[in-house]
Amino acid sequence: MSDPVEADIPHKLGREEARARIDKGIGKFGELIPGGAVVNQTWEDDRLRFTVQAMGQSVDSTLTVFEDRVHAAVFLPPFLAVFADKLRAKLAKEGPKLLE
């Protein structure tokens, strides 16, 4: 497995509101990967672990919620690693919209 694609998504919502919005819109995070859909999710304190199914591959991901940002880590399998730079750019650009 390659290094994770990581990004910080800034917000001014506070921890609880950011968690609530993530719960409400987790499907949007799956859509960041072409053809992706969230197939399972589990909260562990302020960290959401979830799996996106895309192009026949499982992509493990985490969102860690802080008071002023959400740290995203996406662990792409080797088959999808060619999309790492595009995904990193998409997270930076679209990430804040995902908390709306």
N, C-alpha and C. Protein backbone atom coordinates (compact mmCIF):
# COMPACT_ATOMS: atom_id res chain seq x y z
N MET A 1 0.84 -1.18 0.00
CA MET A 1 0.00 0.00 0.00
C MET A 1 0.89 1.24 0.00
N SER A 2 0.49 2.22 -0.73
CA SER A 2 1.27 3.46 -0.82
C SER A 2 0.99 4.36 0.38
N ASP A 3 1.75 5.44 0.48
CA ASP A 3 1.50 6.41 1.54
C ASP A 3 0.11 6.99 1.38
N PRO A 4 -0.52 7.37 2.50
CA PRO A 4 -1.88 7.91 2.38
C PRO A 4 -1.87 9.29 1.72
N VAL A 5 -2.98 9.58 1.06
CA VAL A 5 -3.24 10.93 0.57
C VAL A 5 -3.86 11.65 1.76
N GLU A 6 -3.23 12.76 2.19
CA GLU A 6 -3.70 13.46 3.38
C GLU A 6 -3.98 14.92 3.06
N ALA A 7 -4.97 15.45 3.76
CA ALA A 7 -5.31 16.87 3.61
C ALA A 7 -6.02 17.33 4.88
N ASP A 8 -5.81 18.59 5.22
CA ASP A 8 -6.56 19.22 6.30
C ASP A 8 -7.62 20.11 5.67
N ILE A 9 -8.85 19.94 6.16
CA ILE A 9 -9.98 20.73 5.67
C ILE A 9 -10.36 21.69 6.79
N PRO A 10 -10.07 22.98 6.62
CA PRO A 10 -10.37 23.95 7.68
C PRO A 10 -11.88 24.20 7.80
N HIS A 11 -12.31 24.52 9.02
CA HIS A 11 -13.71 24.90 9.24
C HIS A 11 -13.79 25.78 10.48
N LYS A 12 -14.94 26.41 10.63
CA LYS A 12 -15.21 27.24 11.81
C LYS A 12 -16.47 26.76 12.51
N LEU A 13 -16.74 25.48 12.40
CA LEU A 13 -17.99 24.91 12.91
C LEU A 13 -17.91 24.43 14.35
N GLY A 14 -16.72 24.17 14.83
CA GLY A 14 -16.58 23.49 16.11
C GLY A 14 -16.65 21.99 15.87
N ARG A 15 -16.15 21.24 16.82
CA ARG A 15 -16.04 19.79 16.66
C ARG A 15 -17.40 19.10 16.50
N GLU A 16 -18.35 19.42 17.36
CA GLU A 16 -19.64 18.73 17.32
C GLU A 16 -20.40 18.98 16.02
N GLU A 17 -20.43 20.22 15.56
CA GLU A 17 -21.14 20.53 14.32
C GLU A 17 -20.44 19.91 13.12
N ALA A 18 -19.13 19.90 13.11
CA ALA A 18 -18.39 19.26 12.01
C ALA A 18 -18.72 17.77 11.96
N ARG A 19 -18.76 17.12 13.12
CA ARG A 19 -19.13 15.69 13.16
C ARG A 19 -20.53 15.47 12.64
N ALA A 20 -21.45 16.31 13.03
CA ALA A 20 -22.84 16.17 12.58
C ALA A 20 -22.94 16.32 11.06
N ARG A 21 -22.22 17.26 10.50
CA ARG A 21 -22.26 17.46 9.05
C ARG A 21 -21.59 16.31 8.30
N ILE A 22 -20.54 15.78 8.88
CA ILE A 22 -19.90 14.61 8.26
C ILE A 22 -20.88 13.44 8.27
N ASP A 23 -21.55 13.21 9.40
CA ASP A 23 -22.55 12.13 9.48
C ASP A 23 -23.61 12.29 8.40
N LYS A 24 -24.06 13.51 8.24
CA LYS A 24 -25.14 13.79 7.28
C LYS A 24 -24.68 13.63 5.83
N GLY A 25 -23.43 13.97 5.54
CA GLY A 25 -22.97 13.99 4.16
C GLY A 25 -21.82 13.07 3.83
N ILE A 26 -21.67 11.96 4.57
CA ILE A 26 -20.52 11.08 4.35
C ILE A 26 -20.47 10.56 2.91
N GLY A 27 -21.59 10.41 2.27
CA GLY A 27 -21.61 9.94 0.89
C GLY A 27 -20.84 10.85 -0.06
N LYS A 28 -20.81 12.14 0.25
CA LYS A 28 -20.08 13.09 -0.59
C LYS A 28 -18.58 12.80 -0.59
N PHE A 29 -18.06 12.32 0.53
CA PHE A 29 -16.64 11.99 0.59
C PHE A 29 -16.32 10.82 -0.34
N GLY A 30 -17.20 9.86 -0.40
CA GLY A 30 -17.00 8.73 -1.30
C GLY A 30 -16.96 9.14 -2.76
N GLU A 31 -17.74 10.17 -3.09
CA GLU A 31 -17.82 10.64 -4.46
C GLU A 31 -16.55 11.35 -4.93
N LEU A 32 -15.64 11.67 -4.02
CA LEU A 32 -14.37 12.28 -4.43
C LEU A 32 -13.52 11.33 -5.27
N ILE A 33 -13.75 10.04 -5.09
CA ILE A 33 -13.04 9.04 -5.88
C ILE A 33 -13.98 8.64 -7.02
N PRO A 34 -13.54 8.73 -8.26
CA PRO A 34 -14.42 8.41 -9.40
C PRO A 34 -15.11 7.06 -9.24
N GLY A 35 -16.43 7.06 -9.32
CA GLY A 35 -17.20 5.84 -9.18
C GLY A 35 -17.29 5.33 -7.76
N GLY A 36 -16.87 6.13 -6.79
CA GLY A 36 -16.80 5.68 -5.41
C GLY A 36 -18.09 5.82 -4.64
N ALA A 37 -18.28 4.92 -3.69
CA ALA A 37 -19.42 4.97 -2.78
C ALA A 37 -18.98 4.42 -1.43
N VAL A 38 -19.42 5.07 -0.36
CA VAL A 38 -19.09 4.62 1.00
C VAL A 38 -19.89 3.35 1.28
N VAL A 39 -19.18 2.29 1.70
CA VAL A 39 -19.86 1.02 1.96
C VAL A 39 -19.94 0.67 3.45
N ASN A 40 -19.11 1.28 4.27
CA ASN A 40 -19.24 1.11 5.72
C ASN A 40 -18.55 2.26 6.43
N GLN A 41 -18.96 2.47 7.68
CA GLN A 41 -18.39 3.56 8.47
C GLN A 41 -18.52 3.25 9.94
N THR A 42 -17.51 3.69 10.71
CA THR A 42 -17.50 3.48 12.15
C THR A 42 -16.80 4.65 12.82
N TRP A 43 -17.47 5.26 13.81
CA TRP A 43 -16.84 6.32 14.61
C TRP A 43 -16.08 5.70 15.77
N GLU A 44 -14.88 6.20 16.02
CA GLU A 44 -14.08 5.88 17.20
C GLU A 44 -13.68 7.22 17.80
N ASP A 45 -14.38 7.65 18.81
CA ASP A 45 -14.21 8.99 19.39
C ASP A 45 -14.44 10.02 18.29
N ASP A 46 -13.44 10.84 17.97
CA ASP A 46 -13.61 11.87 16.94
C ASP A 46 -12.99 11.45 15.60
N ARG A 47 -12.80 10.18 15.38
CA ARG A 47 -12.25 9.67 14.12
C ARG A 47 -13.27 8.75 13.46
N LEU A 48 -13.60 9.09 12.22
CA LEU A 48 -14.48 8.25 11.43
C LEU A 48 -13.63 7.39 10.50
N ARG A 49 -13.77 6.09 10.63
CA ARG A 49 -13.12 5.16 9.71
C ARG A 49 -14.19 4.70 8.74
N PHE A 50 -13.87 4.77 7.44
CA PHE A 50 -14.85 4.33 6.45
C PHE A 50 -14.14 3.74 5.24
N THR A 51 -14.89 2.96 4.49
CA THR A 51 -14.37 2.32 3.29
C THR A 51 -15.19 2.78 2.10
N VAL A 52 -14.47 3.15 1.05
CA VAL A 52 -15.09 3.53 -0.21
C VAL A 52 -14.81 2.41 -1.20
N GLN A 53 -15.84 1.97 -1.89
CA GLN A 53 -15.69 0.98 -2.94
C GLN A 53 -15.65 1.74 -4.26
N ALA A 54 -14.57 1.57 -5.04
CA ALA A 54 -14.41 2.28 -6.31
C ALA A 54 -13.64 1.41 -7.29
N MET A 55 -14.17 1.28 -8.48
CA MET A 55 -13.50 0.53 -9.55
C MET A 55 -13.07 -0.86 -9.10
N GLY A 56 -13.91 -1.52 -8.32
CA GLY A 56 -13.61 -2.86 -7.84
C GLY A 56 -12.57 -2.91 -6.74
N GLN A 57 -12.19 -1.76 -6.20
CA GLN A 57 -11.19 -1.68 -5.15
C GLN A 57 -11.80 -1.13 -3.86
N SER A 58 -11.24 -1.54 -2.74
CA SER A 58 -11.63 -0.99 -1.43
C SER A 58 -10.61 0.06 -1.04
N VAL A 59 -11.11 1.23 -0.67
CA VAL A 59 -10.25 2.34 -0.27
C VAL A 59 -10.56 2.69 1.17
N ASP A 60 -9.64 2.36 2.08
CA ASP A 60 -9.82 2.69 3.49
C ASP A 60 -9.47 4.15 3.71
N SER A 61 -10.27 4.82 4.53
CA SER A 61 -10.09 6.25 4.76
C SER A 61 -10.44 6.59 6.20
N THR A 62 -9.90 7.72 6.68
CA THR A 62 -10.27 8.23 7.99
C THR A 62 -10.50 9.73 7.90
N LEU A 63 -11.39 10.21 8.72
CA LEU A 63 -11.60 11.64 8.93
C LEU A 63 -11.48 11.86 10.43
N THR A 64 -10.51 12.67 10.83
CA THR A 64 -10.33 12.99 12.24
C THR A 64 -10.78 14.43 12.44
N VAL A 65 -11.76 14.61 13.34
CA VAL A 65 -12.37 15.92 13.54
C VAL A 65 -11.69 16.66 14.68
N PHE A 66 -11.24 17.86 14.38
CA PHE A 66 -10.68 18.76 15.37
C PHE A 66 -11.59 19.98 15.47
N GLU A 67 -11.35 20.82 16.43
CA GLU A 67 -12.17 22.01 16.65
C GLU A 67 -12.19 22.94 15.43
N ASP A 68 -11.08 23.00 14.70
CA ASP A 68 -10.96 23.97 13.59
C ASP A 68 -10.61 23.35 12.24
N ARG A 69 -10.53 22.01 12.18
CA ARG A 69 -10.21 21.36 10.91
C ARG A 69 -10.60 19.88 10.98
N VAL A 70 -10.67 19.29 9.80
CA VAL A 70 -10.85 17.85 9.68
C VAL A 70 -9.65 17.33 8.92
N HIS A 71 -8.99 16.33 9.47
CA HIS A 71 -7.83 15.74 8.80
C HIS A 71 -8.31 14.49 8.07
N ALA A 72 -8.15 14.50 6.76
CA ALA A 72 -8.54 13.36 5.92
C ALA A 72 -7.31 12.56 5.55
N ALA A 73 -7.42 11.25 5.63
CA ALA A 73 -6.36 10.35 5.18
C ALA A 73 -7.02 9.25 4.35
N VAL A 74 -6.55 9.12 3.11
CA VAL A 74 -7.11 8.14 2.18
C VAL A 74 -5.98 7.19 1.78
N PHE A 75 -6.19 5.91 2.02
CA PHE A 75 -5.18 4.89 1.75
C PHE A 75 -5.53 4.19 0.44
N LEU A 76 -4.94 4.68 -0.64
CA LEU A 76 -5.23 4.13 -1.96
C LEU A 76 -4.49 2.82 -2.20
N PRO A 77 -5.17 1.82 -2.74
CA PRO A 77 -4.46 0.61 -3.13
C PRO A 77 -3.58 0.91 -4.35
N PRO A 78 -2.58 0.07 -4.61
CA PRO A 78 -1.66 0.35 -5.72
C PRO A 78 -2.36 0.62 -7.05
N PHE A 79 -3.45 -0.07 -7.34
CA PHE A 79 -4.17 0.11 -8.59
C PHE A 79 -4.68 1.54 -8.77
N LEU A 80 -5.03 2.19 -7.66
CA LEU A 80 -5.58 3.55 -7.72
C LEU A 80 -4.56 4.62 -7.34
N ALA A 81 -3.36 4.24 -7.01
CA ALA A 81 -2.34 5.20 -6.55
C ALA A 81 -2.02 6.26 -7.60
N VAL A 82 -2.27 5.98 -8.87
CA VAL A 82 -2.01 6.96 -9.93
C VAL A 82 -2.91 8.19 -9.77
N PHE A 83 -3.99 8.06 -9.00
CA PHE A 83 -4.92 9.16 -8.79
C PHE A 83 -4.58 10.00 -7.55
N ALA A 84 -3.48 9.71 -6.88
CA ALA A 84 -3.16 10.37 -5.60
C ALA A 84 -3.09 11.89 -5.72
N ASP A 85 -2.37 12.40 -6.70
CA ASP A 85 -2.25 13.86 -6.83
C ASP A 85 -3.59 14.52 -7.15
N LYS A 86 -4.36 13.89 -8.00
CA LYS A 86 -5.68 14.43 -8.35
C LYS A 86 -6.60 14.42 -7.13
N LEU A 87 -6.54 13.36 -6.36
CA LEU A 87 -7.36 13.27 -5.16
C LEU A 87 -6.94 14.31 -4.13
N ARG A 88 -5.64 14.50 -3.95
CA ARG A 88 -5.14 15.51 -3.00
C ARG A 88 -5.65 16.90 -3.40
N ALA A 89 -5.58 17.23 -4.69
CA ALA A 89 -6.06 18.53 -5.18
C ALA A 89 -7.57 18.67 -4.99
N LYS A 90 -8.29 17.58 -5.23
CA LYS A 90 -9.74 17.61 -5.09
C LYS A 90 -10.14 17.79 -3.62
N LEU A 91 -9.42 17.13 -2.72
CA LEU A 91 -9.70 17.30 -1.29
C LEU A 91 -9.49 18.75 -0.86
N ALA A 92 -8.40 19.35 -1.33
CA ALA A 92 -8.12 20.74 -0.97
C ALA A 92 -9.18 21.69 -1.51
N LYS A 93 -9.63 21.44 -2.73
CA LYS A 93 -10.61 22.34 -3.36
C LYS A 93 -12.03 22.08 -2.90
N GLU A 94 -12.44 20.81 -2.87
CA GLU A 94 -13.82 20.46 -2.57
C GLU A 94 -14.08 20.16 -1.10
N GLY A 95 -13.03 19.91 -0.34
CA GLY A 95 -13.18 19.54 1.07
C GLY A 95 -14.06 20.46 1.88
N PRO A 96 -13.82 21.78 1.84
CA PRO A 96 -14.67 22.68 2.62
C PRO A 96 -16.15 22.61 2.24
N LYS A 97 -16.44 22.35 0.98
CA LYS A 97 -17.84 22.24 0.54
C LYS A 97 -18.51 21.02 1.13
N LEU A 98 -17.71 19.99 1.45
CA LEU A 98 -18.27 18.77 1.98
C LEU A 98 -18.80 18.94 3.41
N LEU A 99 -18.40 20.03 4.05
CA LEU A 99 -18.89 20.29 5.42
C LEU A 99 -20.08 21.24 5.43
N GLU A 100 -20.55 21.64 4.27
CA GLU A 100 -21.69 22.57 4.20
C GLU A 100 -23.00 21.86 4.41
